[in-house]
Amino acid sequence: MAFQLANPGKLCEQRDMIDDDDDAFGATSSYRFMSIAIPSNRQWFIEVNPKASSPFQPSRHFHFVNTTTRTMSSSERPSGLIAKSGIELLTFGTPNGHKATILLEELKESYGKDYVYQSINIMENIQKEPWFTKVCPNGRIPALVDHDRNDFAVFEGAAILAYMTRHYDPEHKFSFTDPDDVSRAEQWIAWQHGGLGPMQGQANHFYRLAKERIPYPTQRYVGESERLYGILDNQLKDRDYLVGPGKGKYSIADIASFSWVNVAYFAGVDLSQFPNLEKWWKRIDDRPAVKKGTAIPSESKITNGPFQRRLREEPDFKENEDKLKELGNKAKEQYGYKYASP
């Protein structure tokens, strides 16, 4: 049974430098935020309200959304590994975190391979504590420990995908046996790890989160994310999945990119520009294990489905998003950017 540790009720104050930690909102550097108090049993996300602000220095209105947590104790916070056997995942609800949880849920559904997880609240810098960096020297989520294989530790989402299919996908339901398809899957995972993730992470930051609205990096990173989406869209022409014979087979190559495409709108990318990719996203999003995996450690409101529902159902949210999109479009116009299919 999967469960998480939590620390409900406690308020922690985050000041000045908050490390992004490979999360859904940015790349791998630290950013300066205003001082905010965060209930530690909530998953945080930030919405931008550019009302009554100058075009590129909008005011910020932060709020936090309650999430459902399954707690072991109201006073505990992760302070070390908790399992003695099986797979133990250390994660948070980010695109990179979702890579691991989606695959683990798929393996659980297909083979009955269970696991436990701990929710590592990156806003509390748990991932920087010595016990965590013994598992992941880089101090980032996700990280995994295989207690059945001499407590073997694996960090980085792409490495976790490879490790888990190598050892726990005997029927190759999510991986390949043909050496060429193995290589093709590795190429698409490397492409995501070195391109789509970092570029869209920067788009998240400059489009949505940066305290100062700067046009050039906004259009640069949103535009580069769109270019990369175009690569995926082109690959998926007449195909259902990225790799495999015929129309392809759902695999870890798809999982790696899906976790980022699943937060397209949050990064300012309109998925409807990419019809093949949008169909692929919907096809994968409908999988039961994917729905479970993207709800760990708690259901996200920034993934495409919930995000689009909010646009339809919450007029204030839509108004704010329309204004933010207008700022992004002005940044593109200023530097002459226009998306062109690769």
C-alpha atoms as a PDB file:
ATOM      1  CA  MET A   1       0.000   0.000   0.000  1.00  0.00           C
ATOM      2  CA  ALA A   2       1.408   3.375  -0.978  1.00  0.00           C
ATOM      3  CA  PHE A   3       1.382   6.082   1.660  1.00  0.00           C
ATOM      4  CA  GLN A   4       3.084   9.334   2.436  1.00  0.00           C
ATOM      5  CA  LEU A   5       4.441  11.095   5.436  1.00  0.00           C
ATOM      6  CA  ALA A   6       3.114  14.554   6.105  1.00  0.00           C
ATOM      7  CA  ASN A   7       3.298  17.300   8.669  1.00  0.00           C
ATOM      8  CA  PRO A   8      -0.135  18.899   8.771  1.00  0.00           C
ATOM      9  CA  GLY A   9      -0.808  21.985  10.761  1.00  0.00           C
ATOM     10  CA  LYS A  10       2.716  23.268  10.984  1.00  0.00           C
ATOM     11  CA  LEU A  11       3.480  26.573   9.315  1.00  0.00           C
ATOM     12  CA  CYS A  12       6.869  26.975   7.774  1.00  0.00           C
ATOM     13  CA  GLU A  13       8.070  30.321   6.520  1.00  0.00           C
ATOM     14  CA  GLN A  14       9.979  30.392   3.262  1.00  0.00           C
ATOM     15  CA  ARG A  15      12.139  33.487   2.808  1.00  0.00           C
ATOM     16  CA  ASP A  16      14.421  34.709   0.081  1.00  0.00           C
ATOM     17  CA  MET A  17      16.065  31.806  -1.725  1.00  0.00           C
ATOM     18  CA  ILE A  18      13.790  28.876  -2.461  1.00  0.00           C
ATOM     19  CA  ASP A  19      15.439  26.137  -4.469  1.00  0.00           C
ATOM     20  CA  ASP A  20      13.290  25.116  -7.379  1.00  0.00           C
ATOM     21  CA  ASP A  21      14.405  21.498  -7.097  1.00  0.00           C
ATOM     22  CA  ASP A  22      13.556  20.262 -10.539  1.00  0.00           C
ATOM     23  CA  ASP A  23       9.909  20.953  -9.921  1.00  0.00           C
ATOM     24  CA  ALA A  24       6.991  21.735 -12.185  1.00  0.00           C
ATOM     25  CA  PHE A  25       7.705  25.449 -12.105  1.00  0.00           C
ATOM     26  CA  GLY A  26      11.244  25.942 -13.327  1.00  0.00           C
ATOM     27  CA  ALA A  27      14.664  24.705 -14.236  1.00  0.00           C
ATOM     28  CA  THR A  28      17.528  23.840 -11.934  1.00  0.00           C
ATOM     29  CA  SER A  29      18.559  27.164 -10.435  1.00  0.00           C
ATOM     30  CA  SER A  30      17.369  29.035  -7.363  1.00  0.00           C
ATOM     31  CA  TYR A  31      14.873  31.860  -7.517  1.00  0.00           C
ATOM     32  CA  ARG A  32      14.033  34.656  -5.120  1.00  0.00           C
ATOM     33  CA  PHE A  33      10.416  34.827  -3.961  1.00  0.00           C
ATOM     34  CA  MET A  34       8.637  37.102  -1.546  1.00  0.00           C
ATOM     35  CA  SER A  35       8.302  35.841   2.025  1.00  0.00           C
ATOM     36  CA  ILE A  36       5.274  33.580   2.333  1.00  0.00           C
ATOM     37  CA  ALA A  37       3.871  31.268   4.957  1.00  0.00           C
ATOM     38  CA  ILE A  38       3.042  27.812   3.662  1.00  0.00           C
ATOM     39  CA  PRO A  39       1.016  25.136   5.431  1.00  0.00           C
ATOM     40  CA  SER A  40       3.262  22.140   5.000  1.00  0.00           C
ATOM     41  CA  ASN A  41       0.417  19.700   4.418  1.00  0.00           C
ATOM     42  CA  ARG A  42      -0.543  21.496   1.239  1.00  0.00           C
ATOM     43  CA  GLN A  43       0.837  21.097  -2.219  1.00  0.00           C
ATOM     44  CA  TRP A  44       1.718  24.578  -3.399  1.00  0.00           C
ATOM     45  CA  PHE A  45       1.200  26.247  -6.680  1.00  0.00           C
ATOM     46  CA  ILE A  46       1.177  29.871  -7.626  1.00  0.00           C
ATOM     47  CA  GLU A  47      -1.219  31.782  -9.809  1.00  0.00           C
ATOM     48  CA  VAL A  48      -0.384  35.111 -11.326  1.00  0.00           C
ATOM     49  CA  ASN A  49      -2.878  37.951 -11.227  1.00  0.00           C
ATOM     50  CA  PRO A  50      -1.552  40.786 -13.362  1.00  0.00           C
ATOM     51  CA  LYS A  51      -4.394  43.177 -12.509  1.00  0.00           C
ATOM     52  CA  ALA A  52      -3.447  46.812 -11.955  1.00  0.00           C
ATOM     53  CA  SER A  53       0.157  46.237 -12.898  1.00  0.00           C
ATOM     54  CA  SER A  54       2.522  47.362 -15.600  1.00  0.00           C
ATOM     55  CA  PRO A  55       2.804  45.018 -18.596  1.00  0.00           C
ATOM     56  CA  PHE A  56       6.048  43.384 -17.551  1.00  0.00           C
ATOM     57  CA  GLN A  57       6.049  43.855 -13.805  1.00  0.00           C
ATOM     58  CA  PRO A  58       2.686  42.436 -12.723  1.00  0.00           C
ATOM     59  CA  SER A  59       1.815  42.138  -9.082  1.00  0.00           C
ATOM     60  CA  ARG A  60       1.698  38.626  -7.664  1.00  0.00           C
ATOM     61  CA  HIS A  61      -1.191  37.099  -5.792  1.00  0.00           C
ATOM     62  CA  PHE A  62      -0.172  33.838  -4.159  1.00  0.00           C
ATOM     63  CA  HIS A  63      -2.573  31.316  -2.789  1.00  0.00           C
ATOM     64  CA  PHE A  64      -2.342  27.730  -1.722  1.00  0.00           C
ATOM     65  CA  VAL A  65      -4.704  24.897  -2.422  1.00  0.00           C
ATOM     66  CA  ASN A  66      -5.639  22.257   0.120  1.00  0.00           C
ATOM     67  CA  THR A  67      -4.745  18.752  -0.920  1.00  0.00           C
ATOM     68  CA  THR A  68      -5.710  15.405   0.462  1.00  0.00           C
ATOM     69  CA  THR A  69      -2.924  13.661   2.327  1.00  0.00           C
ATOM     70  CA  ARG A  70      -2.698  10.275   3.945  1.00  0.00           C
ATOM     71  CA  THR A  71      -0.788  10.819   7.136  1.00  0.00           C
ATOM     72  CA  MET A  72       1.051   8.485   9.480  1.00  0.00           C
ATOM     73  CA  SER A  73       1.357  11.067  12.210  1.00  0.00           C
ATOM     74  CA  SER A  74       0.418  14.690  12.586  1.00  0.00           C
ATOM     75  CA  SER A  75       3.867  15.558  13.931  1.00  0.00           C
ATOM     76  CA  GLU A  76       6.165  13.560  11.646  1.00  0.00           C
ATOM     77  CA  ARG A  77       8.114  14.791   8.683  1.00  0.00           C
ATOM     78  CA  PRO A  78      10.327  12.613   6.477  1.00  0.00           C
ATOM     79  CA  SER A  79      13.619  12.081   8.260  1.00  0.00           C
ATOM     80  CA  GLY A  80      14.935   8.883   6.717  1.00  0.00           C
ATOM     81  CA  LEU A  81      14.000   5.791   4.788  1.00  0.00           C
ATOM     82  CA  ILE A  82      10.997   3.943   6.184  1.00  0.00           C
ATOM     83  CA  ALA A  83      10.862   0.616   4.330  1.00  0.00           C
ATOM     84  CA  LYS A  84      12.883  -2.542   4.872  1.00  0.00           C
ATOM     85  CA  SER A  85      11.905  -4.313   1.669  1.00  0.00           C
ATOM     86  CA  GLY A  86      10.543  -3.529  -1.783  1.00  0.00           C
ATOM     87  CA  ILE A  87      10.627  -0.227  -3.640  1.00  0.00           C
ATOM     88  CA  GLU A  88      10.634   3.056  -1.734  1.00  0.00           C
ATOM     89  CA  LEU A  89      10.112   6.239  -3.736  1.00  0.00           C
ATOM     90  CA  LEU A  90      10.981   9.738  -2.540  1.00  0.00           C
ATOM     91  CA  THR A  91       8.998  12.171  -4.641  1.00  0.00           C
ATOM     92  CA  PHE A  92       6.785  15.224  -5.019  1.00  0.00           C
ATOM     93  CA  GLY A  93       4.005  16.194  -7.434  1.00  0.00           C
ATOM     94  CA  THR A  94       6.106  17.592 -10.282  1.00  0.00           C
ATOM     95  CA  PRO A  95       6.603  16.519 -13.913  1.00  0.00           C
ATOM     96  CA  ASN A  96       9.813  14.714 -13.022  1.00  0.00           C
ATOM     97  CA  GLY A  97       8.179  13.160  -9.990  1.00  0.00           C
ATOM     98  CA  HIS A  98       5.285  11.978 -12.145  1.00  0.00           C
ATOM     99  CA  LYS A  99       7.634  10.079 -14.453  1.00  0.00           C
ATOM    100  CA  ALA A 100       8.392   7.704 -11.611  1.00  0.00           C
ATOM    101  CA  THR A 101       4.903   7.436 -10.145  1.00  0.00           C
ATOM    102  CA  ILE A 102       3.276   6.776 -13.519  1.00  0.00           C
ATOM    103  CA  LEU A 103       5.626   3.890 -14.270  1.00  0.00           C
ATOM    104  CA  LEU A 104       5.340   2.479 -10.750  1.00  0.00           C
ATOM    105  CA  GLU A 105       1.554   2.530 -11.022  1.00  0.00           C
ATOM    106  CA  GLU A 106       1.736   0.850 -14.437  1.00  0.00           C
ATOM    107  CA  LEU A 107       3.994  -1.887 -13.025  1.00  0.00           C
ATOM    108  CA  LYS A 108       1.688  -2.274 -10.050  1.00  0.00           C
ATOM    109  CA  GLU A 109      -1.332  -2.682 -12.325  1.00  0.00           C
ATOM    110  CA  SER A 110       0.424  -5.096 -14.708  1.00  0.00           C
ATOM    111  CA  TYR A 111       2.520  -7.200 -12.335  1.00  0.00           C
ATOM    112  CA  GLY A 112       1.259  -6.430  -8.843  1.00  0.00           C
ATOM    113  CA  LYS A 113       4.586  -4.757  -8.012  1.00  0.00           C
ATOM    114  CA  ASP A 114       3.799  -2.601  -4.996  1.00  0.00           C
ATOM    115  CA  TYR A 115       5.810   0.245  -3.533  1.00  0.00           C
ATOM    116  CA  VAL A 116       5.756   2.828  -0.781  1.00  0.00           C
ATOM    117  CA  TYR A 117       6.478   6.496  -1.175  1.00  0.00           C
ATOM    118  CA  GLN A 118       7.331   9.465   0.960  1.00  0.00           C
ATOM    119  CA  SER A 119       6.195  12.937  -0.047  1.00  0.00           C
ATOM    120  CA  ILE A 120       9.287  15.133  -0.069  1.00  0.00           C
ATOM    121  CA  ASN A 121       8.051  18.691   0.305  1.00  0.00           C
ATOM    122  CA  ILE A 122      10.628  20.597  -1.699  1.00  0.00           C
ATOM    123  CA  MET A 123       9.399  23.860  -0.177  1.00  0.00           C
ATOM    124  CA  GLU A 124      10.767  22.681   3.162  1.00  0.00           C
ATOM    125  CA  ASN A 125      14.102  21.667   1.597  1.00  0.00           C
ATOM    126  CA  ILE A 126      13.755  18.109   2.865  1.00  0.00           C
ATOM    127  CA  GLN A 127      15.621  17.009  -0.260  1.00  0.00           C
ATOM    128  CA  LYS A 128      18.710  18.860   0.998  1.00  0.00           C
ATOM    129  CA  GLU A 129      18.916  16.981   4.279  1.00  0.00           C
ATOM    130  CA  PRO A 130      21.842  14.547   4.744  1.00  0.00           C
ATOM    131  CA  TRP A 131      19.680  11.419   4.815  1.00  0.00           C
ATOM    132  CA  PHE A 132      18.193  12.365   1.435  1.00  0.00           C
ATOM    133  CA  THR A 133      21.469  13.314  -0.239  1.00  0.00           C
ATOM    134  CA  LYS A 134      22.825   9.886   0.652  1.00  0.00           C
ATOM    135  CA  VAL A 135      20.196   8.580  -1.767  1.00  0.00           C
ATOM    136  CA  CYS A 136      20.479  11.429  -4.277  1.00  0.00           C
ATOM    137  CA  PRO A 137      23.737  13.428  -4.086  1.00  0.00           C
ATOM    138  CA  ASN A 138      22.123  16.131  -6.233  1.00  0.00           C
ATOM    139  CA  GLY A 139      19.382  16.808  -3.677  1.00  0.00           C
ATOM    140  CA  ARG A 140      16.536  16.522  -6.171  1.00  0.00           C
ATOM    141  CA  ILE A 141      13.388  14.462  -6.515  1.00  0.00           C
ATOM    142  CA  PRO A 142      12.564  11.813  -7.572  1.00  0.00           C
ATOM    143  CA  ALA A 143      14.852   9.264  -5.984  1.00  0.00           C
ATOM    144  CA  LEU A 144      14.266   5.588  -5.370  1.00  0.00           C
ATOM    145  CA  VAL A 145      15.670   2.851  -3.153  1.00  0.00           C
ATOM    146  CA  ASP A 146      15.297  -0.830  -4.036  1.00  0.00           C
ATOM    147  CA  HIS A 147      15.483  -2.535  -0.661  1.00  0.00           C
ATOM    148  CA  ASP A 148      15.307  -5.973  -2.297  1.00  0.00           C
ATOM    149  CA  ARG A 149      18.549  -5.330  -4.156  1.00  0.00           C
ATOM    150  CA  ASN A 150      20.850  -4.378  -1.298  1.00  0.00           C
ATOM    151  CA  ASP A 151      19.196  -0.971  -0.871  1.00  0.00           C
ATOM    152  CA  PHE A 152      20.299   0.066  -4.341  1.00  0.00           C
ATOM    153  CA  ALA A 153      19.614   3.770  -4.865  1.00  0.00           C
ATOM    154  CA  VAL A 154      18.566   5.401  -8.146  1.00  0.00           C
ATOM    155  CA  PHE A 155      18.159   9.124  -8.744  1.00  0.00           C
ATOM    156  CA  GLU A 156      16.930  11.110 -11.789  1.00  0.00           C
ATOM    157  CA  GLY A 157      13.593  10.335 -13.402  1.00  0.00           C
ATOM    158  CA  ALA A 158      15.086   8.996 -16.637  1.00  0.00           C
ATOM    159  CA  ALA A 159      17.349   6.625 -14.718  1.00  0.00           C
ATOM    160  CA  ILE A 160      14.399   5.403 -12.640  1.00  0.00           C
ATOM    161  CA  LEU A 161      12.448   4.603 -15.821  1.00  0.00           C
ATOM    162  CA  ALA A 162      15.366   2.566 -17.154  1.00  0.00           C
ATOM    163  CA  TYR A 163      16.070   0.810 -13.854  1.00  0.00           C
ATOM    164  CA  MET A 164      12.501  -0.220 -13.121  1.00  0.00           C
ATOM    165  CA  THR A 165      11.856  -1.623 -16.593  1.00  0.00           C
ATOM    166  CA  ARG A 166      15.215  -3.412 -16.620  1.00  0.00           C
ATOM    167  CA  HIS A 167      14.457  -5.230 -13.377  1.00  0.00           C
ATOM    168  CA  TYR A 168      10.664  -5.304 -13.046  1.00  0.00           C
ATOM    169  CA  ASP A 169       9.190  -5.397 -16.555  1.00  0.00           C
ATOM    170  CA  PRO A 170       9.913  -9.022 -17.543  1.00  0.00           C
ATOM    171  CA  GLU A 171       7.271  -9.075 -20.278  1.00  0.00           C
ATOM    172  CA  HIS A 172       8.513  -5.754 -21.708  1.00  0.00           C
ATOM    173  CA  LYS A 173       5.081  -4.183 -21.509  1.00  0.00           C
ATOM    174  CA  PHE A 174       6.647  -0.731 -21.164  1.00  0.00           C
ATOM    175  CA  SER A 175      10.033  -1.382 -22.764  1.00  0.00           C
ATOM    176  CA  PHE A 176      11.483  -3.170 -25.780  1.00  0.00           C
ATOM    177  CA  THR A 177      13.493  -6.258 -26.692  1.00  0.00           C
ATOM    178  CA  ASP A 178      14.531  -5.250 -30.200  1.00  0.00           C
ATOM    179  CA  PRO A 179      17.914  -3.484 -29.873  1.00  0.00           C
ATOM    180  CA  ASP A 180      16.946  -0.784 -32.355  1.00  0.00           C
ATOM    181  CA  ASP A 181      13.733   0.026 -30.491  1.00  0.00           C
ATOM    182  CA  VAL A 182      15.665   0.019 -27.215  1.00  0.00           C
ATOM    183  CA  SER A 183      17.974   2.615 -28.754  1.00  0.00           C
ATOM    184  CA  ARG A 184      15.074   4.655 -30.127  1.00  0.00           C
ATOM    185  CA  ALA A 185      13.454   4.757 -26.700  1.00  0.00           C
ATOM    186  CA  GLU A 186      16.752   5.838 -25.147  1.00  0.00           C
ATOM    187  CA  GLN A 187      17.048   8.618 -27.710  1.00  0.00           C
ATOM    188  CA  TRP A 188      13.606  10.042 -26.968  1.00  0.00           C
ATOM    189  CA  ILE A 189      14.200   9.858 -23.226  1.00  0.00           C
ATOM    190  CA  ALA A 190      17.558  11.621 -23.639  1.00  0.00           C
ATOM    191  CA  TRP A 191      15.861  14.214 -25.861  1.00  0.00           C
ATOM    192  CA  GLN A 192      13.289  14.928 -23.161  1.00  0.00           C
ATOM    193  CA  HIS A 193      15.851  14.954 -20.368  1.00  0.00           C
ATOM    194  CA  GLY A 194      18.167  17.371 -22.164  1.00  0.00           C
ATOM    195  CA  GLY A 195      15.644  19.479 -24.065  1.00  0.00           C
ATOM    196  CA  LEU A 196      11.945  19.430 -23.313  1.00  0.00           C
ATOM    197  CA  GLY A 197      12.256  19.343 -19.519  1.00  0.00           C
ATOM    198  CA  PRO A 198      14.869  22.097 -19.115  1.00  0.00           C
ATOM    199  CA  MET A 199      13.333  24.404 -21.728  1.00  0.00           C
ATOM    200  CA  GLN A 200       9.773  24.033 -20.460  1.00  0.00           C
ATOM    201  CA  GLY A 201      11.036  24.457 -16.920  1.00  0.00           C
ATOM    202  CA  GLN A 202      12.487  27.824 -17.892  1.00  0.00           C
ATOM    203  CA  ALA A 203       9.232  28.668 -19.681  1.00  0.00           C
ATOM    204  CA  ASN A 204       7.330  27.945 -16.469  1.00  0.00           C
ATOM    205  CA  HIS A 205       9.538  30.362 -14.605  1.00  0.00           C
ATOM    206  CA  PHE A 206       9.701  33.306 -16.989  1.00  0.00           C
ATOM    207  CA  TYR A 207       6.124  33.017 -18.274  1.00  0.00           C
ATOM    208  CA  ARG A 208       4.439  32.528 -14.920  1.00  0.00           C
ATOM    209  CA  LEU A 209       6.644  32.941 -11.862  1.00  0.00           C
ATOM    210  CA  ALA A 210       9.419  35.479 -12.357  1.00  0.00           C
ATOM    211  CA  LYS A 211       9.003  38.474 -10.051  1.00  0.00           C
ATOM    212  CA  GLU A 212      10.090  40.755 -12.882  1.00  0.00           C
ATOM    213  CA  ARG A 213       8.331  40.339 -16.221  1.00  0.00           C
ATOM    214  CA  ILE A 214      11.135  40.151 -18.813  1.00  0.00           C
ATOM    215  CA  PRO A 215       9.955  39.837 -22.429  1.00  0.00           C
ATOM    216  CA  TYR A 216      13.029  38.278 -24.039  1.00  0.00           C
ATOM    217  CA  PRO A 217      13.389  35.086 -21.947  1.00  0.00           C
ATOM    218  CA  THR A 218       9.605  34.744 -21.819  1.00  0.00           C
ATOM    219  CA  GLN A 219       9.290  34.457 -25.596  1.00  0.00           C
ATOM    220  CA  ARG A 220      12.608  32.586 -25.854  1.00  0.00           C
ATOM    221  CA  TYR A 221      11.658  29.682 -23.595  1.00  0.00           C
ATOM    222  CA  VAL A 222       7.960  29.469 -24.428  1.00  0.00           C
ATOM    223  CA  GLY A 223       8.975  29.541 -28.091  1.00  0.00           C
ATOM    224  CA  GLU A 224      11.594  26.841 -27.638  1.00  0.00           C
ATOM    225  CA  SER A 225       9.052  24.710 -25.786  1.00  0.00           C
ATOM    226  CA  GLU A 226       6.689  25.130 -28.732  1.00  0.00           C
ATOM    227  CA  ARG A 227       9.444  24.088 -31.131  1.00  0.00           C
ATOM    228  CA  LEU A 228      10.042  20.935 -29.099  1.00  0.00           C
ATOM    229  CA  TYR A 229       6.314  20.221 -29.001  1.00  0.00           C
ATOM    230  CA  GLY A 230       6.408  20.483 -32.780  1.00  0.00           C
ATOM    231  CA  ILE A 231       9.092  17.781 -32.882  1.00  0.00           C
ATOM    232  CA  LEU A 232       6.816  15.474 -30.894  1.00  0.00           C
ATOM    233  CA  ASP A 233       3.817  16.378 -33.031  1.00  0.00           C
ATOM    234  CA  ASN A 234       5.751  15.530 -36.182  1.00  0.00           C
ATOM    235  CA  GLN A 235       6.960  12.210 -34.757  1.00  0.00           C
ATOM    236  CA  LEU A 236       3.392  11.270 -33.873  1.00  0.00           C
ATOM    237  CA  LYS A 237       2.069  11.827 -37.380  1.00  0.00           C
ATOM    238  CA  ASP A 238       0.375   8.516 -38.291  1.00  0.00           C
ATOM    239  CA  ARG A 239       1.581   7.034 -34.987  1.00  0.00           C
ATOM    240  CA  ASP A 240      -0.044   6.417 -31.617  1.00  0.00           C
ATOM    241  CA  TYR A 241       3.211   6.311 -29.618  1.00  0.00           C
ATOM    242  CA  LEU A 242       6.774   7.518 -30.031  1.00  0.00           C
ATOM    243  CA  VAL A 243       8.588   4.186 -30.430  1.00  0.00           C
ATOM    244  CA  GLY A 244       7.779   0.710 -31.685  1.00  0.00           C
ATOM    245  CA  PRO A 245       6.753  -1.021 -34.900  1.00  0.00           C
ATOM    246  CA  GLY A 246       3.683   0.077 -36.800  1.00  0.00           C
ATOM    247  CA  LYS A 247       1.864   2.796 -34.892  1.00  0.00           C
ATOM    248  CA  GLY A 248       4.147   2.238 -31.923  1.00  0.00           C
ATOM    249  CA  LYS A 249       3.770   0.906 -28.399  1.00  0.00           C
ATOM    250  CA  TYR A 250       3.179   2.778 -25.150  1.00  0.00           C
ATOM    251  CA  SER A 251       6.492   2.773 -23.300  1.00  0.00           C
ATOM    252  CA  ILE A 252       8.818   4.653 -21.005  1.00  0.00           C
ATOM    253  CA  ALA A 253       9.699   6.862 -23.987  1.00  0.00           C
ATOM    254  CA  ASP A 254       6.139   8.203 -23.868  1.00  0.00           C
ATOM    255  CA  ILE A 255       6.022   8.454 -20.078  1.00  0.00           C
ATOM    256  CA  ALA A 256       9.143  10.647 -20.017  1.00  0.00           C
ATOM    257  CA  SER A 257       7.675  13.318 -22.304  1.00  0.00           C
ATOM    258  CA  PHE A 258       4.062  12.951 -21.184  1.00  0.00           C
ATOM    259  CA  SER A 259       4.846  14.225 -17.692  1.00  0.00           C
ATOM    260  CA  TRP A 260       5.923  17.573 -19.187  1.00  0.00           C
ATOM    261  CA  VAL A 261       3.301  17.800 -21.934  1.00  0.00           C
ATOM    262  CA  ASN A 262       0.786  17.214 -19.143  1.00  0.00           C
ATOM    263  CA  VAL A 263       1.540  20.721 -17.819  1.00  0.00           C
ATOM    264  CA  ALA A 264       1.621  22.468 -21.212  1.00  0.00           C
ATOM    265  CA  TYR A 265      -0.924  25.181 -20.417  1.00  0.00           C
ATOM    266  CA  PHE A 266       0.800  26.083 -17.163  1.00  0.00           C
ATOM    267  CA  ALA A 267       3.910  26.884 -19.232  1.00  0.00           C
ATOM    268  CA  GLY A 268       1.992  29.034 -21.701  1.00  0.00           C
ATOM    269  CA  VAL A 269       1.898  26.429 -24.480  1.00  0.00           C
ATOM    270  CA  ASP A 270      -1.435  25.888 -26.233  1.00  0.00           C
ATOM    271  CA  LEU A 271      -1.612  22.146 -26.841  1.00  0.00           C
ATOM    272  CA  SER A 272      -4.325  22.577 -29.480  1.00  0.00           C
ATOM    273  CA  GLN A 273      -1.614  23.903 -31.842  1.00  0.00           C
ATOM    274  CA  PHE A 274      -0.302  20.339 -32.013  1.00  0.00           C
ATOM    275  CA  PRO A 275      -3.171  18.014 -33.009  1.00  0.00           C
ATOM    276  CA  ASN A 276      -1.162  14.782 -33.151  1.00  0.00           C
ATOM    277  CA  LEU A 277       0.426  15.516 -29.803  1.00  0.00           C
ATOM    278  CA  GLU A 278      -2.893  16.480 -28.242  1.00  0.00           C
ATOM    279  CA  LYS A 279      -4.415  13.139 -29.270  1.00  0.00           C
ATOM    280  CA  TRP A 280      -1.361  11.328 -27.851  1.00  0.00           C
ATOM    281  CA  TRP A 281      -1.658  13.267 -24.598  1.00  0.00           C
ATOM    282  CA  LYS A 282      -5.360  12.371 -24.276  1.00  0.00           C
ATOM    283  CA  ARG A 283      -4.671   8.717 -25.109  1.00  0.00           C
ATOM    284  CA  ILE A 284      -2.127   8.454 -22.312  1.00  0.00           C
ATOM    285  CA  ASP A 285      -4.013  10.643 -19.854  1.00  0.00           C
ATOM    286  CA  ASP A 286      -6.983   8.263 -20.067  1.00  0.00           C
ATOM    287  CA  ARG A 287      -4.944   5.335 -18.729  1.00  0.00           C
ATOM    288  CA  PRO A 288      -6.026   4.406 -15.166  1.00  0.00           C
ATOM    289  CA  ALA A 289      -2.436   4.008 -13.943  1.00  0.00           C
ATOM    290  CA  VAL A 290      -1.542   7.429 -15.337  1.00  0.00           C
ATOM    291  CA  LYS A 291      -4.421   9.049 -13.481  1.00  0.00           C
ATOM    292  CA  LYS A 292      -3.240   7.382 -10.269  1.00  0.00           C
ATOM    293  CA  GLY A 293       0.396   8.272 -10.866  1.00  0.00           C
ATOM    294  CA  THR A 294      -0.304  11.953 -11.486  1.00  0.00           C
ATOM    295  CA  ALA A 295      -2.327  12.140  -8.249  1.00  0.00           C
ATOM    296  CA  ILE A 296       0.696  11.195  -6.114  1.00  0.00           C
ATOM    297  CA  PRO A 297       1.370  12.568  -3.593  1.00  0.00           C
ATOM    298  CA  SER A 298      -1.821  14.580  -4.176  1.00  0.00           C
ATOM    299  CA  GLU A 299      -3.994  15.640  -7.075  1.00  0.00           C
ATOM    300  CA  SER A 300      -2.491  18.454  -9.083  1.00  0.00           C
ATOM    301  CA  LYS A 301      -4.405  21.488 -10.343  1.00  0.00           C
ATOM    302  CA  ILE A 302      -1.776  22.523 -12.876  1.00  0.00           C
ATOM    303  CA  THR A 303      -1.977  19.475 -15.143  1.00  0.00           C
ATOM    304  CA  ASN A 304      -3.866  20.020 -18.376  1.00  0.00           C
ATOM    305  CA  GLY A 305      -7.163  18.402 -17.415  1.00  0.00           C
ATOM    306  CA  PRO A 306      -7.793  20.267 -14.140  1.00  0.00           C
ATOM    307  CA  PHE A 307      -6.277  23.438 -15.611  1.00  0.00           C
ATOM    308  CA  GLN A 308      -8.708  23.383 -18.543  1.00  0.00           C
ATOM    309  CA  ARG A 309     -11.648  22.707 -16.234  1.00  0.00           C
ATOM    310  CA  ARG A 310     -10.752  25.762 -14.203  1.00  0.00           C
ATOM    311  CA  LEU A 311     -10.671  27.846 -17.369  1.00  0.00           C
ATOM    312  CA  ARG A 312     -14.195  26.674 -18.193  1.00  0.00           C
ATOM    313  CA  GLU A 313     -15.676  26.906 -14.712  1.00  0.00           C
ATOM    314  CA  GLU A 314     -13.910  29.820 -12.969  1.00  0.00           C
ATOM    315  CA  PRO A 315     -14.343  33.214 -14.687  1.00  0.00           C
ATOM    316  CA  ASP A 316     -11.745  34.971 -12.515  1.00  0.00           C
ATOM    317  CA  PHE A 317      -9.181  32.277 -13.226  1.00  0.00           C
ATOM    318  CA  LYS A 318      -9.839  32.537 -16.963  1.00  0.00           C
ATOM    319  CA  GLU A 319      -9.581  36.329 -16.855  1.00  0.00           C
ATOM    320  CA  ASN A 320      -6.203  36.130 -15.136  1.00  0.00           C
ATOM    321  CA  GLU A 321      -4.956  33.486 -17.568  1.00  0.00           C
ATOM    322  CA  ASP A 322      -6.096  35.529 -20.573  1.00  0.00           C
ATOM    323  CA  LYS A 323      -4.134  38.526 -19.291  1.00  0.00           C
ATOM    324  CA  LEU A 324      -1.067  36.402 -18.682  1.00  0.00           C
ATOM    325  CA  LYS A 325      -1.355  34.953 -22.185  1.00  0.00           C
ATOM    326  CA  GLU A 326      -1.632  38.479 -23.585  1.00  0.00           C
ATOM    327  CA  LEU A 327       1.631  39.408 -21.865  1.00  0.00           C
ATOM    328  CA  GLY A 328       3.270  36.351 -23.392  1.00  0.00           C
ATOM    329  CA  ASN A 329       1.987  37.241 -26.854  1.00  0.00           C
ATOM    330  CA  LYS A 330       3.293  40.807 -26.504  1.00  0.00           C
ATOM    331  CA  ALA A 331       6.709  39.415 -25.615  1.00  0.00           C
ATOM    332  CA  LYS A 332       6.643  37.279 -28.767  1.00  0.00           C
ATOM    333  CA  GLU A 333       5.566  40.221 -30.916  1.00  0.00           C
ATOM    334  CA  GLN A 334       8.307  42.419 -29.487  1.00  0.00           C
ATOM    335  CA  TYR A 335      10.985  40.000 -30.691  1.00  0.00           C
ATOM    336  CA  GLY A 336       9.235  38.863 -33.860  1.00  0.00           C
ATOM    337  CA  TYR A 337       8.658  35.302 -32.706  1.00  0.00           C
ATOM    338  CA  LYS A 338       6.103  33.177 -34.522  1.00  0.00           C
ATOM    339  CA  TYR A 339       5.834  29.417 -34.193  1.00  0.00           C
ATOM    340  CA  ALA A 340       6.692  27.512 -37.358  1.00  0.00           C
ATOM    341  CA  SER A 341       6.376  23.760 -37.694  1.00  0.00           C
ATOM    342  CA  PRO A 342       9.806  22.055 -37.706  1.00  0.00           C
END
